[in-house]
Protein backbone atom coordinates (compact mmCIF):
# COMPACT_ATOMS: atom_id res chain seq x y z
CA MET A 1 146.65 123.12 26.01
CA ALA A 2 144.30 122.67 28.95
CA LEU A 3 141.23 120.55 28.46
CA VAL A 4 138.64 123.25 28.95
CA ILE A 5 135.16 122.75 27.58
CA SER A 6 133.10 125.86 28.12
CA MET A 7 129.77 126.13 26.33
CA SER A 8 126.96 128.63 26.32
CA VAL A 9 123.73 127.75 28.08
CA LYS A 10 121.93 127.42 24.76
CA LYS A 11 124.00 124.45 23.63
CA THR A 12 124.42 121.14 25.38
CA LYS A 13 127.26 118.85 24.37
CA THR A 14 128.20 115.35 25.35
CA CYS A 15 131.54 115.25 27.11
CA SER A 16 133.98 112.68 25.75
CA ARG A 17 137.57 111.75 26.54
CA LYS A 18 138.80 113.56 23.42
CA THR A 19 140.38 116.93 23.90
CA VAL A 20 138.08 119.59 22.52
CA LYS A 21 140.10 122.12 20.55
CA THR A 22 138.51 125.42 21.47
CA PRO A 23 140.13 128.83 21.50
CA LYS A 24 141.70 129.49 24.86
CA LYS A 25 139.37 131.63 26.92
CA THR A 26 140.31 134.12 29.58
CA ALA A 27 139.21 133.56 33.15
CA ARG A 28 136.76 136.44 32.75
CA GLU A 29 135.20 134.86 29.65
CA ARG A 30 134.74 131.56 31.44
CA LEU A 31 133.27 133.33 34.44
CA GLU A 32 130.78 135.24 32.26
CA GLU A 33 129.68 131.98 30.61
CA PHE A 34 129.24 130.38 34.01
CA TRP A 35 127.25 133.34 35.35
CA ALA A 36 125.06 133.28 32.22
CA LEU A 37 123.59 129.97 33.39
CA PHE A 38 121.78 131.60 36.29
CA VAL A 39 118.91 134.01 36.89
CA LYS A 40 117.85 135.79 40.04
CA GLU A 41 115.02 133.34 40.80
CA ASP A 42 117.25 130.24 40.78
CA ASP A 43 117.62 127.92 43.74
CA VAL A 44 121.01 126.31 43.13
CA LEU A 45 122.25 122.95 44.37
CA VAL A 46 126.03 122.46 44.44
CA VAL A 47 126.80 118.73 44.59
CA ILE A 48 130.11 117.44 45.92
CA ASN A 49 131.80 114.28 47.09
CA ALA A 50 132.86 115.91 50.34
CA ASP A 51 136.62 116.31 50.74
CA PRO A 52 138.73 119.45 51.29
CA ASP A 53 138.97 120.42 47.60
CA ALA A 54 135.27 119.86 46.94
CA LEU A 55 134.19 121.70 50.10
CA ALA A 56 136.40 124.69 49.25
CA CYS A 57 135.14 124.80 45.64
CA ALA A 58 131.51 124.66 46.79
CA LEU A 59 132.15 127.59 49.15
CA ALA A 60 133.72 129.54 46.28
CA ILE A 61 130.70 128.90 44.03
CA LYS A 62 128.43 130.06 46.84
CA ARG A 63 130.44 133.30 46.96
CA LEU A 64 130.36 133.73 43.18
CA LEU A 65 126.57 133.34 43.08
CA ARG A 66 125.77 135.53 46.07
CA TYR A 67 123.30 138.26 45.01
CA ARG A 68 122.87 136.53 41.62
CA VAL A 69 120.49 133.74 42.66
CA LYS A 70 117.86 133.19 45.32
CA SER A 71 119.74 130.49 47.25
CA VAL A 72 122.71 128.13 47.11
CA THR A 73 122.72 124.77 48.95
CA ILE A 74 125.69 122.40 49.18
CA GLY A 75 124.74 118.70 49.13
CA TYR A 76 126.97 115.65 49.55
CA PRO A 77 126.23 111.88 49.46
CA ASN A 78 129.16 110.49 51.44
CA GLU A 79 129.51 110.36 55.20
CA ILE A 80 132.25 112.74 56.36
CA ARG A 81 134.41 110.55 58.58
CA ARG A 82 137.98 111.83 58.43
CA LEU A 83 138.73 114.06 61.39
CA ASN A 84 140.54 116.59 59.17
CA ASN A 85 137.41 117.03 57.07
CA ILE A 86 135.15 117.20 60.11
CA ALA A 87 137.45 119.84 61.62
CA MET A 88 137.41 121.80 58.35
CA VAL A 89 133.60 121.87 58.29
CA ASP A 90 133.36 122.80 61.97
CA LEU A 91 136.16 125.38 62.20
CA LEU A 92 135.22 127.15 58.96
CA LYS A 93 131.48 126.83 59.67
CA ILE A 94 130.70 125.29 56.28
CA SER A 95 126.96 124.68 55.88
CA VAL A 96 126.42 121.36 54.07
CA GLU A 97 123.50 118.92 53.84
CA ARG A 98 123.27 115.22 53.03
CA LEU A 99 122.12 114.74 49.46
CA HIS A 100 119.49 112.11 50.30
CA THR A 101 117.66 114.61 52.54
CA LEU A 102 117.21 117.10 49.67
CA LYS A 103 114.53 117.05 46.97
CA LEU A 104 116.10 117.63 43.56
CA LYS A 105 112.88 119.15 42.23
CA ASP A 106 113.32 122.03 44.69
CA PHE A 107 116.36 123.25 42.74
CA SER A 108 116.21 124.93 39.36
CA LYS A 109 119.97 124.67 38.69
CA LYS A 110 122.51 122.03 39.69
CA VAL A 111 126.31 122.27 39.70
CA ILE A 112 128.84 119.54 40.37
CA VAL A 113 132.39 120.49 41.30
CA ASP A 114 135.60 118.48 41.84
CA SER A 115 133.80 115.49 40.37
CA GLN A 116 131.80 114.37 37.34
CA PRO A 117 128.29 112.96 36.83
CA LEU A 118 129.37 109.32 36.56
CA HIS A 119 131.91 109.31 39.39
CA LEU A 120 129.36 108.08 41.95
CA PRO A 121 126.02 106.27 41.56
CA ALA A 122 124.37 109.04 43.60
CA PHE A 123 125.23 111.55 40.83
CA GLU A 124 124.07 109.53 37.84
CA SER A 125 120.39 110.50 37.97
CA ILE A 126 121.07 114.23 38.31
CA ALA A 127 120.96 116.50 35.25
CA PHE A 128 123.76 118.98 35.93
CA ASP A 129 123.86 122.45 34.43
CA ALA A 130 127.58 122.95 35.15
CA VAL A 131 130.55 120.66 35.73
CA ILE A 132 133.84 122.07 37.02
CA ASP A 133 136.60 119.58 37.73
CA HIS A 134 140.32 118.77 37.52
CA HIS A 135 140.04 114.99 37.03
CA PRO A 136 140.39 113.48 33.51
CA ALA A 137 137.18 113.86 31.51
CA SER A 138 134.91 110.82 31.45
CA ASN A 139 132.30 110.17 28.79
CA GLY A 140 128.63 109.27 28.76
CA TRP A 141 127.21 112.48 30.19
CA GLU A 142 126.38 116.02 29.09
CA ALA A 143 125.99 119.49 30.57
CA PRO A 144 125.48 123.03 29.24
CA TYR A 145 128.68 124.31 30.88
CA VAL A 146 131.84 122.25 31.38
CA ASP A 147 135.26 123.38 32.59
CA ILE A 148 137.61 120.43 33.04
CA ARG A 149 141.36 120.97 33.45
CA PRO A 150 143.10 117.70 34.34
CA GLU A 151 146.56 119.27 34.49
CA TYR A 152 145.53 121.26 37.57
CA GLY A 153 146.44 119.72 40.92
CA ALA A 154 143.31 121.08 42.61
CA ALA A 155 139.90 122.19 41.39
CA SER A 156 140.19 125.02 43.93
CA SER A 157 142.79 126.65 41.67
CA ILE A 158 140.15 126.90 38.93
CA LEU A 159 137.68 128.55 41.32
CA ILE A 160 140.31 131.02 42.52
CA GLU A 161 140.72 132.13 38.91
CA TYR A 162 136.96 132.69 38.76
CA LEU A 163 137.02 134.71 42.00
CA ARG A 164 139.91 136.84 40.84
CA ALA A 165 138.24 137.42 37.48
CA ALA A 166 135.16 138.57 39.38
CA GLU A 167 137.38 140.86 41.50
CA MET A 168 136.04 139.16 44.62
CA LYS A 169 138.53 139.00 47.45
CA PRO A 170 137.79 135.80 49.42
CA SER A 171 136.91 136.04 53.09
CA VAL A 172 139.36 134.58 55.61
CA ALA A 173 137.24 131.42 55.90
CA LEU A 174 137.03 130.95 52.13
CA ALA A 175 140.73 131.71 51.62
CA THR A 176 141.62 129.22 54.37
CA ALA A 177 139.45 126.52 52.80
CA LEU A 178 140.93 127.05 49.33
CA PHE A 179 144.50 127.23 50.67
CA TYR A 180 144.09 124.00 52.66
CA ALA A 181 142.46 122.29 49.67
CA ILE A 182 145.44 123.02 47.41
CA LYS A 183 147.82 121.78 50.11
CA VAL A 184 145.89 118.51 50.39
CA ASP A 185 145.30 117.79 46.70
CA THR A 186 148.91 118.54 45.71
CA ASN A 187 150.29 116.91 48.89
CA ASN A 188 152.17 120.15 49.58
CA PHE A 189 153.22 120.23 45.91
CA GLU A 190 154.84 116.81 46.10
CA MET A 191 152.22 115.43 43.70
CA LYS A 192 150.97 116.68 40.34
CA ALA A 193 150.52 120.43 40.21
CA SER A 194 150.57 123.21 37.64
CA LEU A 195 151.88 126.74 37.63
CA ALA A 196 148.26 127.82 38.15
CA ASP A 197 148.19 125.91 41.44
CA ALA A 198 151.38 127.65 42.58
CA ILE A 199 150.02 131.08 41.61
CA SER A 200 146.75 130.44 43.47
CA PHE A 201 148.61 129.11 46.51
CA ARG A 202 150.82 132.20 46.63
CA TYR A 203 147.80 134.49 46.24
CA LEU A 204 146.05 132.82 49.18
CA PHE A 205 149.07 132.63 51.47
CA GLY A 206 148.54 136.07 52.99
CA LEU A 207 144.73 135.75 53.10
CA ALA A 208 144.33 132.36 54.80
CA ASN A 209 144.45 131.87 58.56
CA GLN A 210 147.51 129.66 59.00
CA ASN A 211 146.59 128.79 62.60
CA LEU A 212 143.28 127.34 61.40
CA VAL A 213 145.08 125.43 58.65
CA ARG A 214 147.38 123.85 61.24
CA LYS A 215 144.42 122.98 63.49
CA ILE A 216 142.70 121.23 60.59
CA GLU A 217 145.87 119.40 59.56
CA LEU A 218 146.57 118.17 63.09
CA SER A 219 143.04 116.81 63.60
CA GLU A 220 143.77 113.28 62.40
CA LEU A 221 143.41 110.78 65.21
CA ARG A 222 140.78 109.86 67.76
CA PRO A 223 142.18 108.43 71.02
CA SER A 224 140.52 105.08 70.24
CA GLU A 225 142.44 104.87 66.96
CA LEU A 226 145.81 104.74 68.70
CA ASN A 227 145.16 101.04 69.27
CA TYR A 228 145.43 100.49 65.52
CA PHE A 229 148.98 101.84 65.66
CA ARG A 230 149.80 99.37 68.42
CA THR A 231 148.49 96.56 66.23
CA ALA A 232 150.38 97.84 63.19
CA LEU A 233 153.67 98.01 65.06
CA THR A 234 153.12 94.51 66.42
CA VAL A 235 152.24 92.76 63.15
CA MET A 236 154.45 94.68 60.70
CA LYS A 237 157.12 92.81 58.74
CA ILE A 238 160.02 94.36 56.84
CA SER A 239 161.60 92.33 54.05
CA ASN A 240 163.80 93.49 51.19
CA ARG A 241 163.07 97.19 51.99
CA ARG A 242 159.33 96.52 51.89
CA LEU A 243 157.10 97.03 54.91
CA TYR A 244 153.88 95.04 55.28
CA ALA A 245 151.16 95.31 57.95
CA HIS A 246 147.64 93.90 58.07
CA ILE A 247 145.63 95.67 60.78
CA GLY A 248 142.55 93.44 60.80
CA ARG A 249 139.05 94.88 61.10
CA VAL A 250 138.81 98.69 61.20
CA ARG A 251 135.84 100.99 61.81
CA ASN A 252 137.08 103.50 59.27
CA PRO A 253 139.44 102.65 56.38
CA ASP A 254 140.98 106.13 56.57
CA ILE A 255 143.07 104.92 59.52
CA LEU A 256 144.89 102.64 57.07
CA VAL A 257 145.94 105.69 55.05
CA ILE A 258 147.26 107.44 58.17
CA ILE A 259 149.23 104.36 59.23
CA ALA A 260 150.64 103.86 55.71
CA ASP A 261 151.78 107.49 55.59
CA PHE A 262 153.38 107.05 59.02
CA PHE A 263 155.29 103.94 57.92
CA ASN A 264 156.30 105.66 54.68
CA GLN A 265 158.63 107.85 56.77
CA VAL A 266 160.71 104.86 57.89
CA ASN A 267 164.30 105.05 56.67
CA ASN A 268 165.44 102.51 54.08
CA VAL A 269 161.90 101.34 53.25
CA SER A 270 161.00 101.69 49.58
CA TRP A 271 157.50 100.16 49.62
CA VAL A 272 154.73 100.25 52.25
CA PHE A 273 151.67 97.99 52.13
CA VAL A 274 149.00 98.39 54.81
CA SER A 275 145.73 96.45 54.71
CA GLY A 276 142.60 96.04 56.77
CA ILE A 277 139.04 94.74 56.63
CA HIS A 278 136.18 97.25 56.51
CA GLY A 279 132.69 95.79 56.31
CA GLU A 280 132.95 92.95 53.79
CA LYS A 281 135.89 94.42 51.90
CA LEU A 282 139.66 94.14 52.02
CA VAL A 283 141.26 97.58 51.73
CA VAL A 284 144.96 97.83 50.80
CA ILE A 285 146.98 101.07 50.85
CA PHE A 286 150.17 101.34 48.78
CA ARG A 287 153.00 103.83 49.28
CA CYS A 288 156.39 104.23 47.57
CA ASP A 289 158.75 107.01 46.46
CA GLY A 290 157.48 106.92 42.87
CA TYR A 291 161.03 106.71 41.52
CA LYS A 292 161.15 103.80 39.08
CA LYS A 293 158.09 102.53 40.93
CA ASN A 294 154.38 102.97 40.30
CA ALA A 295 152.00 102.27 43.18
CA GLY A 296 148.89 102.79 41.04
CA SER A 297 150.09 100.33 38.42
CA LEU A 298 151.02 97.73 41.04
CA ALA A 299 147.64 98.07 42.80
CA GLY A 300 145.87 97.50 39.50
CA LYS A 301 148.08 94.53 38.65
CA ILE A 302 147.40 92.80 41.97
CA TYR A 303 143.76 93.62 42.61
CA GLY A 304 142.33 95.21 39.45
CA GLN A 305 140.77 91.97 38.15
CA ILE A 306 138.87 91.22 41.36
CA GLY A 307 138.08 94.69 42.73
CA SER A 308 138.72 98.41 42.29
CA ALA A 309 142.33 99.57 42.32
CA GLY A 310 144.39 102.52 41.18
CA GLY A 311 146.10 105.74 42.16
CA HIS A 312 149.27 107.72 41.50
CA ARG A 313 152.92 106.68 41.19
CA GLN A 314 153.57 107.32 44.90
CA ALA A 315 150.19 106.39 46.41
CA ALA A 316 147.43 103.94 45.57
CA ARG A 317 144.50 102.05 47.04
CA ALA A 318 142.65 98.84 46.32
CA GLU A 319 139.29 97.58 47.59
CA VAL A 320 138.18 93.99 47.09
CA ALA A 321 135.08 92.14 48.31
CA LEU A 322 136.27 89.36 50.61
CA LYS A 323 134.25 86.84 48.60
CA ASN A 324 136.34 87.71 45.51
CA LEU A 325 139.60 86.66 47.15
CA ALA A 326 141.07 83.24 46.40
CA LYS A 327 140.00 80.67 48.97
CA GLN A 328 143.49 80.43 50.46
CA ASP A 329 143.60 84.24 50.91
CA GLN A 330 140.27 84.78 52.66
CA GLU A 331 141.77 84.36 56.15
CA PHE A 332 143.82 87.49 55.50
CA ASP A 333 146.78 88.46 57.69
CA THR A 334 150.21 90.06 57.23
CA LYS A 335 151.67 86.82 55.83
CA THR A 336 148.86 86.73 53.27
CA LEU A 337 149.54 90.36 52.34
CA ILE A 338 153.22 89.51 51.79
CA ARG A 339 152.44 86.42 49.73
CA VAL A 340 149.86 88.12 47.49
CA THR A 341 152.03 91.18 46.96
CA LYS A 342 155.31 89.38 46.28
CA ARG A 343 153.81 87.59 43.27
CA HIS A 344 153.83 90.91 41.41
CA LEU A 345 156.88 92.66 42.87
CA GLU A 346 159.75 91.27 40.82
CA GLY A 347 161.99 94.13 39.74
CA SER A 348 160.29 96.63 42.06
């Protein structure tokens, strides 16, 4: 049964990690409960950690609340740096504002989507009226309306159910955003997904502009970032079907993800480890096929005690303050990456 916590606006519950056994509601019933939160005079703030799924969900909420509230503003705390995300905002003309430029007191209702109140420090001081997400439920917060379904591959699939229940056909821009979001969050259905994701994807296929989707997908690299590939190809080492590359200092850690995904296509390589230094942190990207391997578990085993680490079976990431590294590892290079990683790789 899906973890769906939907409550009326008159009752506020604390969300915990325990599954709440409630009768399964229809999409229309959930939508009506969500709509019941709002009145015509409301100025609504939709808060997101800006990525494709969150941006698409925020657009969908804006559509759902059109004509029902006075205004809807989308606010985000993080800097949008990935070219794909910048292209998505620009090409689909998504109006978003930095959270720190907004005054919370100007908004009578606040919604967070594709995230939860304790996921980022910037969210912790905000009293949310609604939380809609597909990540596992965390505890220590409360909201009048909660719809969390961790078995869904994308939060956008939840919002599509709301739109369809409302009999609102999405515009081309909205359909394109939602379609692209499902592609990204399910990695083209190579990662966790549910039947609901597949149904939503199929529904959107004929409504989305596929040319725009391709333009967004292909907007990955700045010309200046090609130099990182040169470095990666120069320093990479392959040993025992494992590829290692430490890129050095990078302006944006997202380039490490792009390089790791590129190397993950190399034949006869079962593990990829790409690292770099961003600011005062070491960032390490893990890739594998997920078959009898678990990148998330390995990342946690290597770096979990000295930094943040985790992810999925096929893909993971670790971030560690340089000062937390052992003294002999602080002058980090590809040889260091190999040495640190090999300590934990027996049997992998």
